[in-house]
Each structure stands twice: as structure tokens, then as C-alpha cells.
Amino acid sequence: MTVWVVCFSSQAGEEGTADINTDTVRAAEKLLREVKVQPKALKHHILECYALMASKSKESVEEALNRLVELANTDRDSVPVLLAMAHGFTLLKQTPKARNQLKRVAKMPYNSAEGDEFERSWLLLADIHIQGGKFDLAQEMCKKCLKYNKSCAKAWEGMGQIMEREQSYRDAAEHYEMAWKYEHQVRHV
């Protein structure tokens, strides 16, 4: 169940999508209530926090972050919890706090059971570094992602953005081509 994708994929800033986002959040919350897990698994708690954050209201995001801090106190090295916290801090425009959570993940040894969360953490950190003009650090995160998933279109796209900003247009085109190739394969397989 990937409620976080549902919650964070719609863009409420565009005309007509605010209603879709609200409906999507309600649907996600309903699904989470219907799942009867006793005691609730860590993943279920995290998904509830993502559903709270999806409303993008400051109060809901702060409530989700408070819950995530409690979860982090029980398991300090939970990659899904740290990633969710980073998303929350990003929504609150507290980029340094988000970056700190993601740096913790970047220092951890890779674990295939949490591979998806590692990948998303590295990509989010790469994006933060790209926005901050720290291309060498962003490139390191993209390469780390590609080390474990050669077909990660977002990592190839990030590499393309880095090369483009460094005015290495030929390399940028090659990376964008790889991103296109893997994005196209995933969607049409």
C-alpha cells in the first residue's frame, strides 16, 4: 500500500486539482481506517502521517511530525520514519532540518528491505543539494541511487540536471536520454 504516492503526487497548486487532492486524501485516510492492524505496524503509523501531511496544512504537518518524532524515539535508525520526517520538514519549508534527516539516511548502510525508502531519501537529498547549488553532493546521491537501481529514471534525470547546470550539455543530454529510456520502459512494460 503506497498511500504516500497518492498523497504527494497530486499538485494542489494547479487549477482544478485542489478538489482532487482533497478527495485523494480522504480516500487514503478511509483506507487506513479500514485496515485493522493490532498493534499497528510501524508502516501503518507512517502512512497515517503521510495522509496527515497530504493536506499540507501547517497544523496537520506539525501533528504528523510530532507523531514521527515519537516513532523516531523508539527506532532511531528507521529509514521510513526519517524519510517521512524529511517530507514533513520540506512541506514546512524547513529545508535544513529535512536535509539533516536525509544525511542520516545517507550515512546508513544500505538495506534491501528498505531499498525503496533509501532510494527516495537519496533522491530527495540530491534535489535539495541541486537547489542549493551543491552539485558534487547531489551527484554523489544520484550515483548512490544508481548503484543499487540502474533503472532509476529520477536519478538519471537528477544527473542530467546537474550536468546541465554545470553547462556540460552533451553529458546532460545523455543522462536525460537514460531517464527517458527508463521512464518509458517502466510505464509501458
N, C-alpha and C. Protein backbone atom coordinates (compact mmCIF):
# COMPACT_ATOMS: atom_id res chain seq x y z
N MET A 1 0.86 -1.17 0.00
CA MET A 1 0.00 0.00 0.00
C MET A 1 0.90 1.23 0.00
N THR A 2 0.82 2.03 -1.06
CA THR A 2 1.67 3.20 -1.14
C THR A 2 0.84 4.47 -1.11
N VAL A 3 0.31 4.76 0.05
CA VAL A 3 -0.52 5.94 0.25
C VAL A 3 0.29 7.20 0.04
N TRP A 4 1.57 7.18 0.40
CA TRP A 4 2.39 8.38 0.26
C TRP A 4 2.42 8.84 -1.18
N VAL A 5 2.43 7.90 -2.15
CA VAL A 5 2.44 8.27 -3.56
C VAL A 5 1.15 8.99 -3.90
N VAL A 6 0.04 8.44 -3.44
CA VAL A 6 -1.25 9.05 -3.70
C VAL A 6 -1.31 10.45 -3.11
N CYS A 7 -0.83 10.59 -1.89
CA CYS A 7 -0.92 11.86 -1.18
C CYS A 7 -0.01 12.93 -1.74
N PHE A 8 1.15 12.57 -2.22
CA PHE A 8 2.11 13.56 -2.66
C PHE A 8 2.20 13.70 -4.16
N SER A 9 1.42 12.93 -4.91
CA SER A 9 1.54 13.00 -6.35
C SER A 9 0.66 14.08 -6.97
N SER A 10 -0.45 14.43 -6.35
CA SER A 10 -1.30 15.47 -6.93
C SER A 10 -0.76 16.84 -6.54
N GLN A 11 -0.91 17.78 -7.43
CA GLN A 11 -0.36 19.11 -7.22
C GLN A 11 -1.51 20.08 -6.97
N ALA A 12 -1.73 20.42 -5.71
CA ALA A 12 -2.87 21.24 -5.33
C ALA A 12 -2.76 22.68 -5.81
N GLY A 13 -1.63 23.08 -6.30
CA GLY A 13 -1.46 24.45 -6.76
C GLY A 13 -2.08 24.72 -8.12
N GLU A 14 -2.37 23.68 -8.89
CA GLU A 14 -2.91 23.86 -10.22
C GLU A 14 -4.42 23.95 -10.16
N GLU A 15 -4.98 24.68 -11.10
CA GLU A 15 -6.42 24.88 -11.13
C GLU A 15 -7.15 23.55 -11.28
N GLY A 16 -8.15 23.32 -10.44
CA GLY A 16 -8.96 22.12 -10.53
C GLY A 16 -8.40 20.93 -9.79
N THR A 17 -7.16 20.99 -9.32
CA THR A 17 -6.59 19.82 -8.65
C THR A 17 -6.76 19.87 -7.15
N ALA A 18 -7.16 21.00 -6.59
CA ALA A 18 -7.35 21.09 -5.14
C ALA A 18 -8.43 20.12 -4.68
N ASP A 19 -9.53 20.02 -5.45
CA ASP A 19 -10.59 19.07 -5.11
C ASP A 19 -10.10 17.63 -5.24
N ILE A 20 -9.31 17.37 -6.26
CA ILE A 20 -8.76 16.03 -6.44
C ILE A 20 -7.88 15.67 -5.27
N ASN A 21 -7.04 16.60 -4.82
CA ASN A 21 -6.15 16.35 -3.70
C ASN A 21 -6.96 16.05 -2.45
N THR A 22 -8.01 16.83 -2.19
CA THR A 22 -8.85 16.62 -1.02
C THR A 22 -9.51 15.25 -1.09
N ASP A 23 -10.04 14.90 -2.25
CA ASP A 23 -10.67 13.59 -2.41
C ASP A 23 -9.66 12.46 -2.23
N THR A 24 -8.47 12.67 -2.74
CA THR A 24 -7.42 11.66 -2.63
C THR A 24 -7.02 11.46 -1.17
N VAL A 25 -6.88 12.56 -0.44
CA VAL A 25 -6.52 12.48 0.97
C VAL A 25 -7.62 11.75 1.75
N ARG A 26 -8.86 12.10 1.48
CA ARG A 26 -9.98 11.42 2.16
C ARG A 26 -9.98 9.94 1.87
N ALA A 27 -9.75 9.57 0.62
CA ALA A 27 -9.71 8.16 0.25
C ALA A 27 -8.58 7.43 0.97
N ALA A 28 -7.42 8.06 1.04
CA ALA A 28 -6.28 7.45 1.73
C ALA A 28 -6.58 7.27 3.21
N GLU A 29 -7.16 8.31 3.83
CA GLU A 29 -7.50 8.21 5.25
C GLU A 29 -8.52 7.11 5.50
N LYS A 30 -9.50 6.98 4.60
CA LYS A 30 -10.53 5.95 4.74
C LYS A 30 -9.90 4.55 4.64
N LEU A 31 -9.01 4.39 3.68
CA LEU A 31 -8.33 3.09 3.53
C LEU A 31 -7.53 2.74 4.78
N LEU A 32 -6.85 3.73 5.34
CA LEU A 32 -6.05 3.48 6.54
C LEU A 32 -6.93 3.12 7.73
N ARG A 33 -8.11 3.74 7.84
CA ARG A 33 -9.02 3.39 8.93
C ARG A 33 -9.58 1.98 8.76
N GLU A 34 -9.78 1.57 7.52
CA GLU A 34 -10.36 0.25 7.25
C GLU A 34 -9.39 -0.88 7.56
N VAL A 35 -8.11 -0.60 7.48
CA VAL A 35 -7.10 -1.62 7.76
C VAL A 35 -7.04 -1.81 9.27
N LYS A 36 -7.43 -2.98 9.70
CA LYS A 36 -7.44 -3.29 11.14
C LYS A 36 -6.17 -4.05 11.48
N VAL A 37 -5.21 -3.33 11.99
CA VAL A 37 -3.94 -3.93 12.38
C VAL A 37 -3.75 -3.64 13.87
N GLN A 38 -3.68 -4.68 14.65
CA GLN A 38 -3.48 -4.51 16.10
C GLN A 38 -2.31 -5.38 16.53
N PRO A 39 -1.30 -4.92 17.13
CA PRO A 39 -0.99 -3.49 17.22
C PRO A 39 -0.58 -2.96 15.85
N LYS A 40 -0.74 -1.68 15.68
CA LYS A 40 -0.43 -1.07 14.39
C LYS A 40 1.05 -1.23 14.08
N ALA A 41 1.32 -1.63 12.87
CA ALA A 41 2.70 -1.77 12.41
C ALA A 41 3.30 -0.39 12.17
N LEU A 42 4.59 -0.32 12.22
CA LEU A 42 5.30 0.94 12.00
C LEU A 42 4.89 1.56 10.67
N LYS A 43 4.79 0.73 9.64
CA LYS A 43 4.43 1.23 8.31
C LYS A 43 3.05 1.89 8.32
N HIS A 44 2.13 1.31 9.07
CA HIS A 44 0.78 1.86 9.16
C HIS A 44 0.82 3.25 9.81
N HIS A 45 1.59 3.39 10.88
CA HIS A 45 1.74 4.69 11.54
C HIS A 45 2.32 5.72 10.57
N ILE A 46 3.31 5.31 9.81
CA ILE A 46 3.96 6.22 8.87
C ILE A 46 2.98 6.64 7.78
N LEU A 47 2.20 5.70 7.28
CA LEU A 47 1.21 6.02 6.26
C LEU A 47 0.16 7.00 6.79
N GLU A 48 -0.23 6.84 8.04
CA GLU A 48 -1.16 7.79 8.65
C GLU A 48 -0.54 9.19 8.68
N CYS A 49 0.74 9.26 8.97
CA CYS A 49 1.43 10.56 9.00
C CYS A 49 1.48 11.17 7.60
N TYR A 50 1.74 10.35 6.59
CA TYR A 50 1.74 10.86 5.22
C TYR A 50 0.35 11.38 4.84
N ALA A 51 -0.69 10.68 5.26
CA ALA A 51 -2.05 11.14 4.97
C ALA A 51 -2.31 12.48 5.64
N LEU A 52 -1.83 12.64 6.87
CA LEU A 52 -1.97 13.93 7.56
C LEU A 52 -1.23 15.03 6.80
N MET A 53 -0.02 14.73 6.37
CA MET A 53 0.79 15.73 5.68
C MET A 53 0.23 16.09 4.32
N ALA A 54 -0.52 15.18 3.73
CA ALA A 54 -1.04 15.41 2.38
C ALA A 54 -1.99 16.59 2.31
N SER A 55 -2.62 16.93 3.42
CA SER A 55 -3.50 18.10 3.43
C SER A 55 -2.69 19.38 3.27
N LYS A 56 -1.44 19.32 3.61
CA LYS A 56 -0.47 20.41 3.50
C LYS A 56 -0.80 21.60 4.41
N SER A 57 -1.73 21.40 5.33
CA SER A 57 -1.97 22.48 6.30
C SER A 57 -0.88 22.40 7.36
N LYS A 58 -0.47 23.55 7.84
CA LYS A 58 0.64 23.62 8.79
C LYS A 58 0.35 22.78 10.03
N GLU A 59 -0.87 22.85 10.54
CA GLU A 59 -1.24 22.12 11.76
C GLU A 59 -1.14 20.61 11.55
N SER A 60 -1.65 20.13 10.41
CA SER A 60 -1.61 18.70 10.14
C SER A 60 -0.19 18.19 9.96
N VAL A 61 0.62 18.97 9.27
CA VAL A 61 2.01 18.58 9.05
C VAL A 61 2.75 18.55 10.39
N GLU A 62 2.51 19.54 11.22
CA GLU A 62 3.16 19.57 12.54
C GLU A 62 2.70 18.39 13.40
N GLU A 63 1.41 18.05 13.33
CA GLU A 63 0.91 16.89 14.07
C GLU A 63 1.60 15.61 13.58
N ALA A 64 1.70 15.48 12.26
CA ALA A 64 2.38 14.31 11.70
C ALA A 64 3.83 14.26 12.16
N LEU A 65 4.51 15.40 12.15
CA LEU A 65 5.90 15.43 12.59
C LEU A 65 6.03 15.04 14.06
N ASN A 66 5.10 15.49 14.89
CA ASN A 66 5.13 15.10 16.31
C ASN A 66 5.00 13.58 16.45
N ARG A 67 4.11 12.99 15.68
CA ARG A 67 3.96 11.53 15.71
C ARG A 67 5.22 10.84 15.22
N LEU A 68 5.82 11.40 14.17
CA LEU A 68 7.03 10.80 13.62
C LEU A 68 8.21 10.91 14.59
N VAL A 69 8.28 12.00 15.33
CA VAL A 69 9.34 12.15 16.34
C VAL A 69 9.18 11.06 17.40
N GLU A 70 7.94 10.79 17.80
CA GLU A 70 7.69 9.70 18.77
C GLU A 70 8.16 8.37 18.20
N LEU A 71 7.86 8.13 16.93
CA LEU A 71 8.29 6.88 16.29
C LEU A 71 9.81 6.82 16.22
N ALA A 72 10.43 7.96 15.92
CA ALA A 72 11.89 8.00 15.82
C ALA A 72 12.54 7.74 17.18
N ASN A 73 11.85 8.10 18.24
CA ASN A 73 12.40 7.84 19.58
C ASN A 73 12.42 6.35 19.90
N THR A 74 11.52 5.58 19.29
CA THR A 74 11.52 4.13 19.51
C THR A 74 12.48 3.41 18.57
N ASP A 75 12.69 3.97 17.38
CA ASP A 75 13.60 3.35 16.41
C ASP A 75 14.36 4.47 15.70
N ARG A 76 15.51 4.83 16.23
CA ARG A 76 16.28 5.98 15.74
C ARG A 76 16.81 5.79 14.32
N ASP A 77 16.94 4.56 13.87
CA ASP A 77 17.52 4.30 12.55
C ASP A 77 16.50 3.78 11.55
N SER A 78 15.25 4.15 11.71
CA SER A 78 14.21 3.73 10.78
C SER A 78 14.23 4.65 9.56
N VAL A 79 14.64 4.12 8.44
CA VAL A 79 14.73 4.92 7.22
C VAL A 79 13.35 5.45 6.82
N PRO A 80 12.27 4.64 6.87
CA PRO A 80 10.96 5.18 6.51
C PRO A 80 10.53 6.35 7.40
N VAL A 81 10.84 6.28 8.68
CA VAL A 81 10.47 7.37 9.60
C VAL A 81 11.28 8.62 9.26
N LEU A 82 12.57 8.47 9.04
CA LEU A 82 13.42 9.63 8.73
C LEU A 82 13.00 10.28 7.41
N LEU A 83 12.65 9.45 6.43
CA LEU A 83 12.20 9.98 5.14
C LEU A 83 10.88 10.74 5.32
N ALA A 84 9.95 10.18 6.07
CA ALA A 84 8.67 10.86 6.31
C ALA A 84 8.90 12.19 7.04
N MET A 85 9.81 12.19 8.01
CA MET A 85 10.13 13.44 8.71
C MET A 85 10.70 14.47 7.73
N ALA A 86 11.56 14.03 6.84
CA ALA A 86 12.14 14.94 5.85
C ALA A 86 11.05 15.54 4.96
N HIS A 87 10.08 14.71 4.57
CA HIS A 87 8.97 15.22 3.77
C HIS A 87 8.20 16.28 4.55
N GLY A 88 7.96 16.02 5.83
CA GLY A 88 7.25 16.98 6.66
C GLY A 88 7.99 18.29 6.78
N PHE A 89 9.28 18.22 7.04
CA PHE A 89 10.08 19.44 7.15
C PHE A 89 10.12 20.19 5.82
N THR A 90 10.14 19.45 4.73
CA THR A 90 10.13 20.08 3.41
C THR A 90 8.82 20.84 3.20
N LEU A 91 7.71 20.24 3.60
CA LEU A 91 6.41 20.91 3.46
C LEU A 91 6.35 22.18 4.30
N LEU A 92 7.03 22.17 5.44
CA LEU A 92 7.05 23.35 6.31
C LEU A 92 8.14 24.34 5.90
N LYS A 93 8.81 24.03 4.79
CA LYS A 93 9.89 24.87 4.26
C LYS A 93 11.06 24.99 5.25
N GLN A 94 11.30 23.90 5.97
CA GLN A 94 12.43 23.83 6.89
C GLN A 94 13.48 22.89 6.29
N THR A 95 14.03 23.35 5.18
CA THR A 95 14.96 22.54 4.40
C THR A 95 16.17 22.05 5.19
N PRO A 96 16.80 22.88 6.05
CA PRO A 96 17.95 22.36 6.80
C PRO A 96 17.59 21.16 7.69
N LYS A 97 16.41 21.18 8.30
CA LYS A 97 16.00 20.05 9.13
C LYS A 97 15.75 18.82 8.27
N ALA A 98 15.14 19.03 7.11
CA ALA A 98 14.91 17.91 6.19
C ALA A 98 16.25 17.32 5.74
N ARG A 99 17.17 18.20 5.38
CA ARG A 99 18.50 17.76 4.93
C ARG A 99 19.21 16.96 6.01
N ASN A 100 19.08 17.38 7.28
CA ASN A 100 19.73 16.66 8.37
C ASN A 100 19.20 15.24 8.50
N GLN A 101 17.88 15.07 8.36
CA GLN A 101 17.30 13.71 8.43
C GLN A 101 17.82 12.85 7.28
N LEU A 102 17.86 13.45 6.10
CA LEU A 102 18.30 12.71 4.91
C LEU A 102 19.79 12.39 4.95
N LYS A 103 20.59 13.27 5.56
CA LYS A 103 22.02 12.99 5.70
C LYS A 103 22.24 11.78 6.61
N ARG A 104 21.39 11.65 7.62
CA ARG A 104 21.48 10.48 8.50
C ARG A 104 21.25 9.21 7.69
N VAL A 105 20.25 9.25 6.81
CA VAL A 105 19.96 8.08 5.97
C VAL A 105 21.14 7.81 5.04
N ALA A 106 21.71 8.85 4.47
CA ALA A 106 22.82 8.70 3.52
C ALA A 106 24.04 8.03 4.15
N LYS A 107 24.19 8.17 5.46
CA LYS A 107 25.33 7.57 6.17
C LYS A 107 25.08 6.13 6.57
N MET A 108 23.83 5.69 6.49
CA MET A 108 23.50 4.32 6.92
C MET A 108 23.89 3.31 5.86
N PRO A 109 24.20 2.09 6.29
CA PRO A 109 24.46 1.04 5.30
C PRO A 109 23.16 0.65 4.60
N TYR A 110 23.27 0.39 3.31
CA TYR A 110 22.09 0.05 2.51
C TYR A 110 21.47 -1.26 3.00
N ASN A 111 20.15 -1.26 3.05
CA ASN A 111 19.39 -2.43 3.47
C ASN A 111 18.31 -2.67 2.41
N SER A 112 18.34 -3.79 1.72
CA SER A 112 17.40 -4.02 0.62
C SER A 112 15.95 -4.07 1.08
N ALA A 113 15.69 -4.41 2.34
CA ALA A 113 14.32 -4.43 2.84
C ALA A 113 13.72 -3.02 2.83
N GLU A 114 14.55 -2.01 2.96
CA GLU A 114 14.10 -0.63 2.94
C GLU A 114 14.65 0.09 1.71
N GLY A 115 14.92 -0.66 0.67
CA GLY A 115 15.54 -0.13 -0.53
C GLY A 115 14.79 1.03 -1.15
N ASP A 116 13.46 0.93 -1.21
CA ASP A 116 12.67 2.00 -1.79
C ASP A 116 12.82 3.29 -1.00
N GLU A 117 12.80 3.18 0.32
CA GLU A 117 12.95 4.36 1.17
C GLU A 117 14.36 4.96 1.07
N PHE A 118 15.36 4.09 0.97
CA PHE A 118 16.72 4.60 0.76
C PHE A 118 16.78 5.40 -0.54
N GLU A 119 16.23 4.82 -1.60
CA GLU A 119 16.27 5.47 -2.90
C GLU A 119 15.56 6.82 -2.87
N ARG A 120 14.38 6.87 -2.30
CA ARG A 120 13.64 8.13 -2.23
C ARG A 120 14.37 9.15 -1.35
N SER A 121 15.02 8.69 -0.30
CA SER A 121 15.80 9.59 0.58
C SER A 121 16.96 10.19 -0.19
N TRP A 122 17.70 9.35 -0.90
CA TRP A 122 18.84 9.84 -1.66
C TRP A 122 18.40 10.83 -2.74
N LEU A 123 17.28 10.53 -3.39
CA LEU A 123 16.79 11.42 -4.45
C LEU A 123 16.32 12.76 -3.89
N LEU A 124 15.65 12.73 -2.75
CA LEU A 124 15.21 13.97 -2.12
C LEU A 124 16.41 14.79 -1.67
N LEU A 125 17.41 14.14 -1.11
CA LEU A 125 18.62 14.84 -0.70
C LEU A 125 19.35 15.41 -1.92
N ALA A 126 19.40 14.65 -3.00
CA ALA A 126 20.01 15.14 -4.24
C ALA A 126 19.29 16.39 -4.72
N ASP A 127 17.96 16.37 -4.68
CA ASP A 127 17.18 17.51 -5.11
C ASP A 127 17.48 18.74 -4.24
N ILE A 128 17.57 18.53 -2.95
CA ILE A 128 17.90 19.64 -2.03
C ILE A 128 19.28 20.20 -2.37
N HIS A 129 20.24 19.30 -2.63
CA HIS A 129 21.59 19.76 -2.97
C HIS A 129 21.60 20.49 -4.32
N ILE A 130 20.82 20.02 -5.29
CA ILE A 130 20.76 20.69 -6.58
C ILE A 130 20.21 22.11 -6.40
N GLN A 131 19.13 22.22 -5.61
CA GLN A 131 18.54 23.55 -5.37
C GLN A 131 19.53 24.47 -4.65
N GLY A 132 20.40 23.90 -3.83
CA GLY A 132 21.39 24.68 -3.10
C GLY A 132 22.68 24.90 -3.87
N GLY A 133 22.76 24.37 -5.09
CA GLY A 133 23.96 24.57 -5.90
C GLY A 133 25.13 23.68 -5.51
N LYS A 134 24.88 22.66 -4.72
CA LYS A 134 25.94 21.74 -4.30
C LYS A 134 25.90 20.50 -5.21
N PHE A 135 26.36 20.71 -6.42
CA PHE A 135 26.23 19.69 -7.45
C PHE A 135 27.05 18.44 -7.18
N ASP A 136 28.23 18.60 -6.56
CA ASP A 136 29.05 17.42 -6.26
C ASP A 136 28.33 16.50 -5.27
N LEU A 137 27.69 17.08 -4.25
CA LEU A 137 26.96 16.28 -3.27
C LEU A 137 25.71 15.65 -3.89
N ALA A 138 25.04 16.41 -4.75
CA ALA A 138 23.86 15.89 -5.44
C ALA A 138 24.25 14.72 -6.35
N GLN A 139 25.35 14.88 -7.04
CA GLN A 139 25.81 13.83 -7.94
C GLN A 139 26.16 12.56 -7.16
N GLU A 140 26.74 12.73 -6.00
CA GLU A 140 27.07 11.59 -5.14
C GLU A 140 25.80 10.81 -4.77
N MET A 141 24.73 11.53 -4.44
CA MET A 141 23.47 10.87 -4.07
C MET A 141 22.84 10.16 -5.26
N CYS A 142 22.89 10.79 -6.43
CA CYS A 142 22.34 10.16 -7.64
C CYS A 142 23.13 8.90 -7.99
N LYS A 143 24.44 8.97 -7.88
CA LYS A 143 25.28 7.80 -8.17
C LYS A 143 25.02 6.68 -7.18
N LYS A 144 24.79 7.04 -5.92
CA LYS A 144 24.48 6.05 -4.91
C LYS A 144 23.17 5.34 -5.26
N CYS A 145 22.22 6.10 -5.70
CA CYS A 145 20.94 5.55 -6.11
C CYS A 145 21.11 4.61 -7.31
N LEU A 146 21.88 5.04 -8.28
CA LEU A 146 22.10 4.24 -9.48
C LEU A 146 22.93 2.98 -9.20
N LYS A 147 23.70 3.02 -8.15
CA LYS A 147 24.49 1.85 -7.77
C LYS A 147 23.56 0.68 -7.43
N TYR A 148 22.44 0.99 -6.78
CA TYR A 148 21.51 -0.06 -6.36
C TYR A 148 20.34 -0.21 -7.32
N ASN A 149 20.10 0.77 -8.19
CA ASN A 149 19.00 0.69 -9.13
C ASN A 149 19.38 1.42 -10.41
N LYS A 150 19.99 0.70 -11.32
CA LYS A 150 20.47 1.29 -12.57
C LYS A 150 19.35 1.86 -13.43
N SER A 151 18.12 1.42 -13.18
CA SER A 151 17.00 1.88 -14.00
C SER A 151 16.17 2.98 -13.33
N CYS A 152 16.75 3.68 -12.37
CA CYS A 152 16.04 4.75 -11.67
C CYS A 152 16.03 6.01 -12.54
N ALA A 153 14.90 6.25 -13.18
CA ALA A 153 14.78 7.39 -14.08
C ALA A 153 15.01 8.71 -13.36
N LYS A 154 14.56 8.83 -12.13
CA LYS A 154 14.73 10.08 -11.38
C LYS A 154 16.21 10.36 -11.10
N ALA A 155 16.98 9.33 -10.83
CA ALA A 155 18.41 9.53 -10.60
C ALA A 155 19.10 9.98 -11.89
N TRP A 156 18.72 9.36 -13.01
CA TRP A 156 19.30 9.78 -14.30
C TRP A 156 18.91 11.22 -14.62
N GLU A 157 17.65 11.57 -14.31
CA GLU A 157 17.20 12.94 -14.53
C GLU A 157 17.97 13.93 -13.65
N GLY A 158 18.19 13.54 -12.40
CA GLY A 158 18.98 14.39 -11.50
C GLY A 158 20.39 14.60 -12.03
N MET A 159 20.99 13.54 -12.54
CA MET A 159 22.33 13.66 -13.13
C MET A 159 22.29 14.61 -14.32
N GLY A 160 21.22 14.52 -15.12
CA GLY A 160 21.07 15.43 -16.25
C GLY A 160 20.96 16.88 -15.80
N GLN A 161 20.19 17.13 -14.73
CA GLN A 161 20.06 18.49 -14.21
C GLN A 161 21.41 19.03 -13.74
N ILE A 162 22.15 18.17 -13.08
CA ILE A 162 23.47 18.58 -12.58
C ILE A 162 24.38 18.95 -13.75
N MET A 163 24.43 18.07 -14.76
CA MET A 163 25.29 18.32 -15.92
C MET A 163 24.85 19.58 -16.66
N GLU A 164 23.54 19.78 -16.77
CA GLU A 164 23.03 20.97 -17.45
C GLU A 164 23.43 22.24 -16.70
N ARG A 165 23.32 22.23 -15.39
CA ARG A 165 23.69 23.41 -14.60
C ARG A 165 25.18 23.66 -14.63
N GLU A 166 25.95 22.59 -14.84
CA GLU A 166 27.40 22.75 -14.96
C GLU A 166 27.80 23.02 -16.41
N GLN A 167 26.81 23.23 -17.27
CA GLN A 167 26.98 23.54 -18.68
C GLN A 167 27.72 22.46 -19.46
N SER A 168 27.52 21.23 -19.02
CA SER A 168 28.05 20.07 -19.75
C SER A 168 26.87 19.45 -20.50
N TYR A 169 26.48 20.11 -21.57
CA TYR A 169 25.23 19.80 -22.25
C TYR A 169 25.21 18.42 -22.91
N ARG A 170 26.34 17.98 -23.40
CA ARG A 170 26.39 16.66 -24.03
C ARG A 170 26.12 15.57 -22.97
N ASP A 171 26.80 15.70 -21.82
CA ASP A 171 26.57 14.74 -20.73
C ASP A 171 25.13 14.83 -20.23
N ALA A 172 24.62 16.05 -20.14
CA ALA A 172 23.23 16.24 -19.69
C ALA A 172 22.27 15.52 -20.63
N ALA A 173 22.50 15.66 -21.92
CA ALA A 173 21.63 15.01 -22.91
C ALA A 173 21.68 13.49 -22.76
N GLU A 174 22.86 12.95 -22.53
CA GLU A 174 22.99 11.50 -22.35
C GLU A 174 22.24 11.03 -21.11
N HIS A 175 22.34 11.80 -20.02
CA HIS A 175 21.63 11.42 -18.80
C HIS A 175 20.12 11.56 -18.96
N TYR A 176 19.69 12.62 -19.63
CA TYR A 176 18.26 12.78 -19.88
C TYR A 176 17.73 11.66 -20.78
N GLU A 177 18.56 11.24 -21.72
CA GLU A 177 18.16 10.14 -22.60
C GLU A 177 17.97 8.84 -21.79
N MET A 178 18.86 8.61 -20.85
CA MET A 178 18.72 7.42 -19.99
C MET A 178 17.46 7.54 -19.13
N ALA A 179 17.20 8.73 -18.62
CA ALA A 179 15.98 8.95 -17.82
C ALA A 179 14.75 8.66 -18.66
N TRP A 180 14.75 9.16 -19.88
CA TRP A 180 13.62 8.93 -20.79
C TRP A 180 13.46 7.44 -21.07
N LYS A 181 14.56 6.79 -21.32
CA LYS A 181 14.54 5.36 -21.63
C LYS A 181 13.92 4.57 -20.48
N TYR A 182 14.38 4.80 -19.26
CA TYR A 182 13.89 4.01 -18.13
C TYR A 182 12.48 4.43 -17.71
N GLU A 183 12.16 5.69 -17.83
CA GLU A 183 10.80 6.13 -17.52
C GLU A 183 9.82 5.52 -18.52
N HIS A 184 10.22 5.52 -19.77
CA HIS A 184 9.37 4.96 -20.83
C HIS A 184 9.20 3.46 -20.66
N GLN A 185 10.28 2.74 -20.32
CA GLN A 185 10.19 1.28 -20.14
C GLN A 185 9.29 0.91 -18.99
N VAL A 186 9.39 1.64 -17.89
CA VAL A 186 8.59 1.32 -16.70
C VAL A 186 7.11 1.51 -16.98
N ARG A 187 6.78 2.58 -17.66
CA ARG A 187 5.37 2.89 -17.92
C ARG A 187 4.74 2.00 -18.97
N HIS A 188 5.54 1.46 -19.88
CA HIS A 188 4.97 0.70 -20.99
C HIS A 188 5.33 -0.78 -20.97
N VAL A 189 5.75 -1.26 -19.85
CA VAL A 189 6.10 -2.69 -19.76
C VAL A 189 4.85 -3.49 -19.49
